N, C-alpha and C. Protein backbone atom coordinates (compact mmCIF):
# COMPACT_ATOMS: atom_id res chain seq x y z
N MET A 1 0.67 -0.84 -0.42
CA MET A 1 -0.11 -0.02 -0.49
C MET A 1 1.01 1.35 -0.33
N ASP A 2 0.12 2.00 -0.92
CA ASP A 2 1.20 3.45 -0.60
C ASP A 2 1.15 4.25 -0.13
N HIS A 3 2.29 4.59 0.75
CA HIS A 3 1.64 5.09 2.27
C HIS A 3 2.85 6.74 1.90
N SER A 4 2.62 7.55 1.22
CA SER A 4 3.49 8.29 0.71
C SER A 4 2.82 9.43 0.96
N GLY A 5 3.27 10.61 1.15
CA GLY A 5 2.57 11.86 1.94
C GLY A 5 1.68 12.67 0.59
N PHE A 6 1.22 13.90 0.60
CA PHE A 6 1.01 14.90 -0.19
C PHE A 6 0.42 16.06 0.03
N GLU A 7 -0.40 17.04 -0.74
CA GLU A 7 0.08 18.08 -0.04
C GLU A 7 -1.43 19.27 -0.11
N THR A 8 -2.22 19.82 0.31
CA THR A 8 -3.00 20.80 0.11
C THR A 8 -2.76 22.16 -0.14
N GLU A 9 -3.60 23.50 -0.47
CA GLU A 9 -2.83 24.11 -0.31
C GLU A 9 -2.76 24.62 0.84
N ARG A 10 -3.10 24.36 2.33
CA ARG A 10 -2.45 24.96 3.71
C ARG A 10 -1.74 23.60 4.41
N LEU A 11 -1.96 22.60 4.07
CA LEU A 11 -1.24 21.56 4.86
C LEU A 11 -0.95 20.26 3.48
N ARG A 12 -0.05 20.18 4.49
CA ARG A 12 0.87 18.51 4.10
C ARG A 12 0.31 17.59 5.19
N LEU A 13 0.08 16.46 4.24
CA LEU A 13 -0.29 15.17 4.65
C LEU A 13 0.59 14.50 4.71
N GLU A 14 1.27 13.84 5.57
CA GLU A 14 2.48 12.78 5.56
C GLU A 14 2.17 11.65 6.63
N PRO A 15 2.80 10.03 6.20
CA PRO A 15 2.85 9.02 7.11
C PRO A 15 3.33 9.45 8.56
N LEU A 16 2.39 9.12 9.27
CA LEU A 16 2.62 9.48 10.71
C LEU A 16 3.41 8.56 11.34
N SER A 17 4.67 9.03 11.94
CA SER A 17 5.90 8.63 12.25
C SER A 17 6.03 9.32 14.16
N GLU A 18 6.16 8.09 14.61
CA GLU A 18 7.19 8.32 16.00
C GLU A 18 7.84 9.68 16.13
N THR A 19 8.59 9.19 15.50
CA THR A 19 10.26 9.82 15.80
C THR A 19 9.73 11.71 15.53
N LYS A 20 8.70 11.82 14.35
CA LYS A 20 8.65 13.25 14.03
C LYS A 20 7.19 13.62 14.38
N HIS A 21 5.99 12.96 14.97
CA HIS A 21 4.89 13.73 15.18
C HIS A 21 4.60 13.07 16.48
N PHE A 22 5.55 12.60 17.54
CA PHE A 22 4.80 12.46 18.75
C PHE A 22 4.22 13.52 19.77
N ASP A 23 5.33 14.52 19.40
CA ASP A 23 4.46 15.63 20.61
C ASP A 23 3.41 16.41 19.89
N GLY A 24 3.61 16.46 18.84
CA GLY A 24 1.95 16.55 18.27
C GLY A 24 0.60 15.41 18.32
N PHE A 25 0.91 14.39 18.45
CA PHE A 25 -0.01 13.84 19.04
C PHE A 25 -0.04 13.81 20.31
N HIS A 26 1.02 13.68 21.36
CA HIS A 26 0.73 13.86 22.56
C HIS A 26 -0.36 14.66 23.10
N ALA A 27 0.05 16.23 22.21
CA ALA A 27 -0.50 17.46 22.75
C ALA A 27 -1.95 17.37 22.51
N ILE A 28 -2.46 16.47 21.14
CA ILE A 28 -3.79 16.29 20.98
C ILE A 28 -4.46 15.48 22.28
N TRP A 29 -3.91 13.89 22.37
CA TRP A 29 -4.59 13.11 22.91
C TRP A 29 -4.64 13.51 24.10
N THR A 30 -3.65 14.48 24.90
CA THR A 30 -3.66 14.63 26.55
C THR A 30 -4.93 15.76 26.73
N ASP A 31 -5.40 16.51 26.06
CA ASP A 31 -6.37 17.77 25.25
C ASP A 31 -7.64 16.93 25.42
N GLU A 32 -8.47 17.42 26.74
CA GLU A 32 -9.82 16.71 26.77
C GLU A 32 -11.04 17.40 25.63
N ARG A 33 -10.45 18.80 25.31
CA ARG A 33 -11.67 19.53 24.05
C ARG A 33 -11.58 18.02 22.66
N CYS A 34 -9.83 17.75 22.86
CA CYS A 34 -9.71 17.08 21.23
C CYS A 34 -10.51 15.65 21.67
N ALA A 35 -10.12 14.97 22.41
CA ALA A 35 -10.39 13.39 22.90
C ALA A 35 -11.82 13.41 23.30
N ALA A 36 -12.67 14.42 23.29
CA ALA A 36 -14.33 13.83 24.05
C ALA A 36 -14.77 13.61 23.24
N TRP A 37 -14.73 13.53 21.97
CA TRP A 37 -15.65 12.82 20.66
C TRP A 37 -15.11 11.07 20.62
N SER A 38 -14.46 10.71 21.50
CA SER A 38 -13.58 9.35 21.44
C SER A 38 -13.49 8.49 22.39
N PRO A 39 -14.10 7.35 22.30
CA PRO A 39 -14.32 6.54 23.06
C PRO A 39 -13.36 5.54 24.13
N ARG A 40 -11.72 6.21 23.07
CA ARG A 40 -10.66 6.46 24.09
C ARG A 40 -10.13 7.27 25.12
N GLY A 41 -10.90 8.32 25.07
CA GLY A 41 -10.69 9.11 25.98
C GLY A 41 -9.22 9.75 25.72
N THR A 42 -8.95 10.65 26.48
CA THR A 42 -7.63 11.42 26.68
C THR A 42 -6.77 10.17 27.30
N THR A 43 -5.15 10.30 26.88
CA THR A 43 -3.99 9.56 27.56
C THR A 43 -3.44 10.06 28.93
N LYS A 44 -3.04 9.81 29.58
CA LYS A 44 -2.83 10.16 31.15
C LYS A 44 -1.04 10.41 31.06
N SER A 45 -0.68 9.55 29.96
CA SER A 45 0.99 10.47 30.61
C SER A 45 1.55 10.43 28.76
N GLU A 46 3.05 10.27 28.86
CA GLU A 46 3.80 9.90 28.04
C GLU A 46 3.90 9.01 27.41
N GLN A 47 3.86 7.80 27.91
CA GLN A 47 4.07 6.61 27.81
C GLN A 47 2.62 5.44 27.16
N ASP A 48 1.88 6.16 28.00
CA ASP A 48 0.07 6.08 27.30
C ASP A 48 0.09 6.84 25.80
N SER A 49 0.46 7.81 25.85
CA SER A 49 0.76 8.51 24.37
C SER A 49 1.18 7.12 23.25
N ARG A 50 2.69 7.30 23.72
CA ARG A 50 3.43 6.10 22.41
C ARG A 50 2.66 5.25 22.97
N ARG A 51 1.66 4.52 23.53
CA ARG A 51 1.41 3.37 23.18
C ARG A 51 0.47 3.55 22.26
N TRP A 52 -1.02 4.51 22.33
CA TRP A 52 -1.28 4.67 21.72
C TRP A 52 -1.14 4.47 20.46
N MET A 53 -0.60 5.22 20.24
CA MET A 53 0.51 6.16 19.11
C MET A 53 0.72 4.72 18.28
N GLN A 54 1.87 3.64 18.66
CA GLN A 54 2.02 2.57 18.10
C GLN A 54 1.07 1.69 17.71
N GLY A 55 -0.22 2.22 18.07
CA GLY A 55 -1.40 1.34 17.44
C GLY A 55 -1.70 2.02 16.42
N VAL A 56 -1.63 2.88 16.23
CA VAL A 56 -2.45 3.93 14.80
C VAL A 56 -1.47 3.77 13.84
N LEU A 57 0.23 4.06 14.21
CA LEU A 57 0.74 4.06 13.14
C LEU A 57 0.86 3.21 11.97
N PRO A 58 0.88 3.94 10.87
CA PRO A 58 0.32 2.58 9.69
C PRO A 58 1.13 1.24 9.45
N ASN A 59 0.36 0.68 9.35
CA ASN A 59 0.83 -0.60 9.00
C ASN A 59 -0.07 -1.37 7.59
N PRO A 60 0.00 -2.28 7.56
CA PRO A 60 -1.16 -3.28 6.57
C PRO A 60 -2.55 -2.89 6.48
N ASP A 61 -2.94 -2.67 8.00
CA ASP A 61 -4.01 -2.76 7.74
C ASP A 61 -5.08 -0.80 8.15
N LYS A 62 -3.86 -0.69 8.62
CA LYS A 62 -3.81 1.61 8.60
C LYS A 62 -3.31 2.02 7.83
N LEU A 63 -3.49 3.21 7.32
CA LEU A 63 -3.41 4.79 6.55
C LEU A 63 -3.90 5.31 6.97
N ASN A 64 -2.70 5.94 8.05
CA ASN A 64 -3.00 7.33 9.16
C ASN A 64 -2.08 8.77 8.62
N PHE A 65 -1.92 9.38 8.49
CA PHE A 65 -1.51 10.74 8.40
C PHE A 65 -1.55 11.86 9.26
N ALA A 66 -0.14 12.20 9.31
CA ALA A 66 0.16 13.86 10.15
C ALA A 66 -0.74 14.65 9.26
N VAL A 67 -1.43 15.90 10.04
CA VAL A 67 -1.81 16.68 9.27
C VAL A 67 -0.49 17.82 9.91
N VAL A 68 -0.21 18.34 9.25
CA VAL A 68 0.86 19.54 9.45
C VAL A 68 1.09 20.60 8.59
N LEU A 69 0.94 22.08 9.22
CA LEU A 69 0.97 23.32 8.18
C LEU A 69 1.89 23.34 7.70
N ARG A 70 1.59 23.74 6.06
CA ARG A 70 2.87 23.95 4.98
C ARG A 70 3.43 24.98 5.94
N THR A 71 3.49 26.32 6.35
CA THR A 71 3.40 27.87 6.07
C THR A 71 4.73 27.71 8.06
N ASN A 72 4.97 26.17 8.35
CA ASN A 72 5.73 26.40 9.06
C ASN A 72 6.44 25.11 9.27
N GLU A 73 7.43 24.99 9.00
CA GLU A 73 8.50 24.00 9.21
C GLU A 73 8.22 22.92 10.56
N GLU A 74 8.69 24.01 11.72
CA GLU A 74 8.87 23.82 12.84
C GLU A 74 7.67 23.91 13.54
N GLU A 75 6.52 23.98 12.93
CA GLU A 75 4.73 23.59 13.47
C GLU A 75 4.82 21.95 13.80
N PRO A 76 4.52 21.71 15.00
CA PRO A 76 4.32 20.24 15.29
C PRO A 76 2.64 19.96 14.74
N MET A 77 2.63 18.28 14.25
CA MET A 77 1.64 18.25 13.71
C MET A 77 -0.22 18.95 14.41
N ILE A 78 -1.23 19.41 13.62
CA ILE A 78 -2.24 19.57 14.17
C ILE A 78 -3.00 18.72 14.22
N GLY A 79 -3.24 17.58 13.14
CA GLY A 79 -4.15 16.60 13.03
C GLY A 79 -3.47 15.13 13.14
N VAL A 80 -4.52 14.30 13.43
CA VAL A 80 -4.01 12.92 12.36
C VAL A 80 -5.29 12.64 11.63
N PHE A 81 -5.16 12.06 10.62
CA PHE A 81 -6.50 11.87 10.04
C PHE A 81 -5.94 10.56 9.11
N GLY A 82 -6.82 9.51 8.91
CA GLY A 82 -7.06 8.23 7.86
C GLY A 82 -7.76 7.04 8.24
N CYS A 83 -7.38 5.86 7.86
CA CYS A 83 -8.97 4.73 7.55
C CYS A 83 -7.97 3.69 8.48
N HIS A 84 -8.48 2.90 9.57
CA HIS A 84 -8.02 1.62 9.60
C HIS A 84 -8.67 0.56 9.25
N LYS A 85 -9.22 -0.81 8.87
CA LYS A 85 -9.43 -2.14 8.57
C LYS A 85 -10.14 -1.50 7.03
N VAL A 86 -8.22 -1.88 6.58
CA VAL A 86 -8.32 -1.40 4.85
C VAL A 86 -7.74 -2.73 4.46
N ASN A 87 -8.01 -3.68 4.99
CA ASN A 87 -8.56 -5.09 4.16
C ASN A 87 -9.69 -5.68 3.86
N SER A 88 -10.46 -4.55 4.35
CA SER A 88 -12.12 -5.48 3.97
C SER A 88 -12.11 -3.87 2.88
N PRO A 89 -13.71 -4.29 2.24
CA PRO A 89 -14.17 -3.38 1.57
C PRO A 89 -14.86 -2.36 1.64
N ILE A 90 -14.64 -2.32 3.11
CA ILE A 90 -15.16 -1.03 3.73
C ILE A 90 -14.36 -0.73 4.68
N ALA A 91 -13.69 1.11 4.46
CA ALA A 91 -13.18 0.91 5.46
C ALA A 91 -13.33 2.08 6.27
N GLU A 92 -12.80 2.49 7.85
CA GLU A 92 -13.35 3.39 8.56
C GLU A 92 -12.44 4.37 9.03
N LEU A 93 -13.10 5.35 8.42
CA LEU A 93 -12.32 6.96 8.70
C LEU A 93 -11.96 7.10 10.26
N GLY A 94 -11.07 8.06 10.58
CA GLY A 94 -11.24 8.45 11.78
C GLY A 94 -10.34 9.94 11.52
N TYR A 95 -9.98 10.67 12.34
CA TYR A 95 -9.69 12.00 12.41
C TYR A 95 -9.90 12.62 13.67
N ILE A 96 -8.59 13.40 13.93
CA ILE A 96 -8.91 14.18 15.05
C ILE A 96 -8.01 15.31 14.88
N LEU A 97 -8.31 16.66 15.20
CA LEU A 97 -7.51 17.64 14.95
C LEU A 97 -7.26 18.53 16.51
N ASN A 98 -5.74 18.89 16.42
CA ASN A 98 -6.24 19.76 17.51
C ASN A 98 -6.75 20.90 17.78
N ALA A 99 -7.16 20.95 19.32
CA ALA A 99 -8.54 22.00 19.13
C ALA A 99 -7.89 23.47 19.03
N ASN A 100 -7.17 23.75 18.87
CA ASN A 100 -6.30 25.35 18.52
C ASN A 100 -6.46 26.10 17.25
N TYR A 101 -7.04 24.58 16.57
CA TYR A 101 -6.96 24.73 14.83
C TYR A 101 -8.59 24.86 14.49
N TRP A 102 -9.25 24.21 15.37
CA TRP A 102 -10.90 23.90 14.88
C TRP A 102 -11.30 25.42 14.36
N GLY A 103 -12.19 25.29 13.74
CA GLY A 103 -13.01 26.50 13.16
C GLY A 103 -12.00 27.34 11.88
N GLN A 104 -10.96 26.84 11.57
CA GLN A 104 -10.76 26.89 10.26
C GLN A 104 -10.18 26.60 8.55
N GLY A 105 -11.15 25.60 8.34
CA GLY A 105 -11.08 24.45 7.53
C GLY A 105 -10.33 23.83 7.19
N TYR A 106 -9.90 23.22 8.44
CA TYR A 106 -8.37 22.31 8.12
C TYR A 106 -9.09 21.13 8.26
N ALA A 107 -9.92 20.68 8.87
CA ALA A 107 -10.42 19.10 8.52
C ALA A 107 -10.74 19.36 7.40
N THR A 108 -12.11 20.12 7.04
CA THR A 108 -12.33 19.75 5.86
C THR A 108 -11.55 19.65 4.30
N GLU A 109 -10.33 20.58 4.60
CA GLU A 109 -9.37 20.72 3.10
C GLU A 109 -8.38 19.12 3.58
N ALA A 110 -8.31 18.98 4.91
CA ALA A 110 -7.04 17.63 4.62
C ALA A 110 -8.09 16.37 4.15
N LEU A 111 -9.72 16.57 4.88
CA LEU A 111 -10.14 15.60 3.79
C LEU A 111 -10.71 15.39 2.88
N ARG A 112 -10.60 16.56 1.93
CA ARG A 112 -11.12 16.60 1.03
C ARG A 112 -9.91 15.94 -0.13
N ALA A 113 -8.90 16.08 0.35
CA ALA A 113 -7.60 15.53 -0.23
C ALA A 113 -7.38 14.23 -0.11
N PHE A 114 -7.65 13.83 1.08
CA PHE A 114 -6.97 12.50 1.44
C PHE A 114 -8.06 11.34 0.83
N ILE A 115 -9.56 11.24 1.40
CA ILE A 115 -10.27 10.57 0.53
C ILE A 115 -10.20 9.99 -0.88
N PRO A 116 -10.32 11.52 -1.63
CA PRO A 116 -10.08 10.88 -3.20
C PRO A 116 -8.55 10.57 -3.52
N THR A 117 -7.38 10.40 -2.74
CA THR A 117 -6.66 9.89 -2.71
C THR A 117 -5.97 8.20 -1.86
N PHE A 118 -7.27 8.42 -1.14
CA PHE A 118 -7.07 6.88 -0.53
C PHE A 118 -8.22 6.21 -1.41
N PHE A 119 -9.02 6.40 -2.16
CA PHE A 119 -9.77 5.45 -2.95
C PHE A 119 -8.82 5.34 -4.20
N GLU A 120 -7.85 5.97 -4.89
CA GLU A 120 -7.20 5.72 -5.59
C GLU A 120 -5.94 4.61 -5.38
N ARG A 121 -5.69 4.90 -3.71
CA ARG A 121 -4.87 3.72 -3.68
C ARG A 121 -5.10 2.83 -3.39
N ARG A 122 -6.43 2.55 -2.83
CA ARG A 122 -7.02 1.74 -2.68
C ARG A 122 -8.22 1.03 -3.60
N PRO A 123 -8.01 0.76 -4.91
CA PRO A 123 -9.32 0.78 -5.76
C PRO A 123 -10.06 -0.55 -5.20
N ASP A 124 -9.50 -1.44 -4.38
CA ASP A 124 -10.13 -2.93 -3.78
C ASP A 124 -11.52 -2.03 -2.68
N ILE A 125 -11.11 -1.17 -2.39
CA ILE A 125 -11.62 -0.69 -1.28
C ILE A 125 -13.06 0.38 -2.36
N LYS A 126 -14.69 -0.12 -1.67
CA LYS A 126 -15.60 0.33 -2.06
C LYS A 126 -16.65 1.45 -1.59
N GLU A 127 -16.35 1.69 -0.63
CA GLU A 127 -16.63 2.36 0.54
C GLU A 127 -16.24 2.35 1.88
N MET A 128 -16.44 3.88 2.84
CA MET A 128 -15.61 4.47 3.71
C MET A 128 -16.53 5.09 4.69
N HIS A 129 -16.54 4.29 5.96
CA HIS A 129 -17.65 4.70 6.82
C HIS A 129 -16.69 5.55 7.95
N ALA A 130 -17.25 6.30 8.58
CA ALA A 130 -17.56 7.48 9.41
C ALA A 130 -18.34 7.11 10.85
N ILE A 131 -18.00 7.14 12.23
CA ILE A 131 -18.76 6.89 12.89
C ILE A 131 -18.81 7.96 14.20
N THR A 132 -19.90 8.73 14.34
CA THR A 132 -19.82 9.78 15.24
C THR A 132 -20.79 10.42 16.40
N ASP A 133 -20.69 11.35 17.04
CA ASP A 133 -21.84 10.91 17.81
C ASP A 133 -22.66 12.06 17.52
N PRO A 134 -23.70 11.81 17.95
CA PRO A 134 -25.25 12.51 16.92
C PRO A 134 -25.10 14.53 17.87
N GLU A 135 -23.97 14.33 18.86
CA GLU A 135 -24.11 15.58 18.92
C GLU A 135 -22.45 16.30 19.01
N ASN A 136 -21.93 15.43 18.33
CA ASN A 136 -20.57 16.35 17.75
C ASN A 136 -21.11 16.83 16.00
N HIS A 137 -21.60 18.15 16.74
CA HIS A 137 -21.81 19.06 15.38
C HIS A 137 -21.14 19.42 14.12
N ALA A 138 -19.98 19.21 14.66
CA ALA A 138 -19.07 19.85 13.66
C ALA A 138 -18.50 18.69 12.92
N SER A 139 -17.83 17.93 13.63
CA SER A 139 -17.75 16.26 12.92
C SER A 139 -18.77 15.94 11.64
N ASN A 140 -19.71 16.19 12.45
CA ASN A 140 -21.42 15.67 11.40
C ASN A 140 -21.05 16.64 10.10
N LYS A 141 -20.78 17.77 10.35
CA LYS A 141 -21.18 19.11 9.50
C LYS A 141 -19.85 18.77 8.58
N VAL A 142 -18.86 18.49 8.62
CA VAL A 142 -17.61 17.85 8.10
C VAL A 142 -17.94 17.22 7.21
N LEU A 143 -18.39 15.88 7.60
CA LEU A 143 -18.89 14.83 6.36
C LEU A 143 -19.90 14.80 5.87
N GLN A 144 -21.13 15.28 6.04
CA GLN A 144 -21.80 16.16 4.99
C GLN A 144 -21.31 16.70 4.20
N LYS A 145 -20.31 17.86 4.33
CA LYS A 145 -19.97 18.43 3.48
C LYS A 145 -18.97 18.12 2.25
N LEU A 146 -18.56 16.76 2.74
CA LEU A 146 -18.20 16.11 1.94
C LEU A 146 -18.53 15.26 0.90
N GLY A 147 -19.97 14.95 1.52
CA GLY A 147 -20.64 13.69 0.72
C GLY A 147 -21.14 12.76 1.12
N PHE A 148 -20.64 12.43 2.98
CA PHE A 148 -21.21 11.25 3.18
C PHE A 148 -23.09 11.62 3.69
N VAL A 149 -23.55 10.41 3.44
CA VAL A 149 -24.68 10.07 4.08
C VAL A 149 -24.96 9.14 5.36
N THR A 150 -25.80 9.77 6.17
CA THR A 150 -26.01 8.72 7.36
C THR A 150 -26.85 7.71 6.89
N ILE A 151 -26.03 6.28 7.42
CA ILE A 151 -27.23 5.02 7.10
C ILE A 151 -27.20 4.39 8.31
N GLU A 152 -28.47 3.65 8.22
CA GLU A 152 -28.74 2.70 9.63
C GLU A 152 -27.50 1.70 9.84
N HIS A 153 -28.14 1.18 11.11
CA HIS A 153 -26.64 0.40 11.28
C HIS A 153 -26.94 -0.23 12.81
N ASP A 154 -26.31 -1.06 13.29
CA ASP A 154 -26.66 -2.14 14.50
C ASP A 154 -25.60 -1.59 15.69
N LEU A 155 -24.78 -0.57 15.21
CA LEU A 155 -24.16 -0.30 16.60
C LEU A 155 -24.70 0.25 17.87
N GLN A 156 -23.99 0.23 18.72
CA GLN A 156 -24.53 0.11 20.22
C GLN A 156 -24.43 1.88 20.55
N PRO A 157 -25.29 2.25 21.73
CA PRO A 157 -24.29 3.35 22.21
C PRO A 157 -23.15 2.94 23.00
N VAL A 158 -21.74 4.10 22.58
CA VAL A 158 -20.92 3.72 23.40
C VAL A 158 -20.70 5.00 24.62
N ALA A 159 -19.79 4.82 25.30
CA ALA A 159 -19.63 5.91 26.18
C ALA A 159 -18.03 6.59 26.02
N LEU A 160 -18.36 7.82 26.37
CA LEU A 160 -17.31 8.71 26.04
C LEU A 160 -16.30 9.31 27.21
N PRO A 161 -15.47 8.33 27.66
CA PRO A 161 -15.22 9.21 28.71
C PRO A 161 -15.35 10.26 29.35
N ILE A 162 -15.18 10.98 28.67
CA ILE A 162 -15.46 13.48 29.51
C ILE A 162 -16.63 12.91 29.40
N PHE A 163 -17.79 12.35 29.81
CA PHE A 163 -19.26 12.39 29.83
C PHE A 163 -19.48 11.59 30.90
N GLY A 164 -18.44 10.54 31.23
CA GLY A 164 -18.78 9.45 32.17
C GLY A 164 -19.17 7.95 31.76
N PRO A 165 -18.89 7.19 32.69
CA PRO A 165 -18.34 5.73 32.47
C PRO A 165 -20.25 5.04 31.45
N GLU A 166 -21.12 5.84 31.72
CA GLU A 166 -22.32 5.35 30.94
C GLU A 166 -22.55 5.97 29.37
N PRO A 167 -22.89 4.47 29.02
CA PRO A 167 -23.02 5.34 27.71
C PRO A 167 -24.07 5.97 26.92
N ARG A 168 -23.70 6.98 25.55
CA ARG A 168 -24.49 8.42 25.58
C ARG A 168 -25.64 7.87 25.07
N PRO A 169 -26.59 8.81 25.62
CA PRO A 169 -28.10 8.55 25.28
C PRO A 169 -28.04 8.34 23.17
N GLY A 170 -28.49 7.11 23.36
CA GLY A 170 -28.67 7.17 21.58
C GLY A 170 -27.58 6.57 20.81
N LYS A 171 -27.85 6.08 19.94
CA LYS A 171 -27.23 5.19 18.98
C LYS A 171 -25.86 6.54 18.56
N PRO A 172 -24.69 6.13 18.06
CA PRO A 172 -23.99 6.78 17.26
C PRO A 172 -24.77 6.77 15.60
N LEU A 173 -23.76 7.92 14.98
CA LEU A 173 -24.55 8.05 13.94
C LEU A 173 -22.89 7.36 12.59
N MET A 174 -24.00 6.97 11.74
CA MET A 174 -22.65 5.90 10.93
C MET A 174 -23.02 6.78 9.59
N PHE A 175 -22.09 7.54 9.30
CA PHE A 175 -21.76 8.02 7.87
C PHE A 175 -21.29 7.34 6.82
N SER A 176 -21.44 7.62 5.45
CA SER A 176 -21.10 6.67 4.38
C SER A 176 -20.82 7.39 3.41
N LEU A 177 -19.62 7.03 2.52
CA LEU A 177 -19.48 7.49 1.33
C LEU A 177 -18.72 6.49 0.28
N SER A 178 -19.22 6.26 -0.50
CA SER A 178 -18.93 5.41 -1.77
C SER A 178 -18.08 5.68 -2.87
N ARG A 179 -17.24 5.12 -2.88
CA ARG A 179 -16.14 5.48 -3.48
C ARG A 179 -16.72 5.90 -5.07
N ASP A 180 -18.23 5.71 -5.59
CA ASP A 180 -18.42 6.09 -6.86
C ASP A 180 -19.72 7.38 -6.77
N ALA A 181 -19.10 8.36 -5.29
CA ALA A 181 -19.99 8.89 -4.81
C ALA A 181 -19.76 10.54 -5.55
């Protein structure tokens, strides 16, 4: 699988690397604002962040990219975008962005470049899914802008650590984007 990076007008997406991107990864995953919508929750230490990062580094079943601003080579990464379950006909999209960069169109810009690149590199994948909390309005809006539509599913409610140990009310949303969309 091709793991080479690519660029947009304002961003560089490069294969996620522990050596190069750990500081930005750790900053994101220790920030409750960033991890609020993840069932994983925040990491509690550098060691915890390293373990989590090693689980999302690109491999045959994952294709994950660090998102870096092109204007500043010294800037840490501002997000992670990618897919897992890429050895099945339906890949699952996931992304997280440093809260300091929310509301500036970076998520939309990165995904607008990532999605066609992913489908080009993986012609065997016919569809991409993304799962969100119904109250994660910003993420839901990004997915809808990119052509994702909600679909029926049988997923059960999940707990989001920032909201407590109980599963969230209602089922998560599942979005789908077909290669042909």
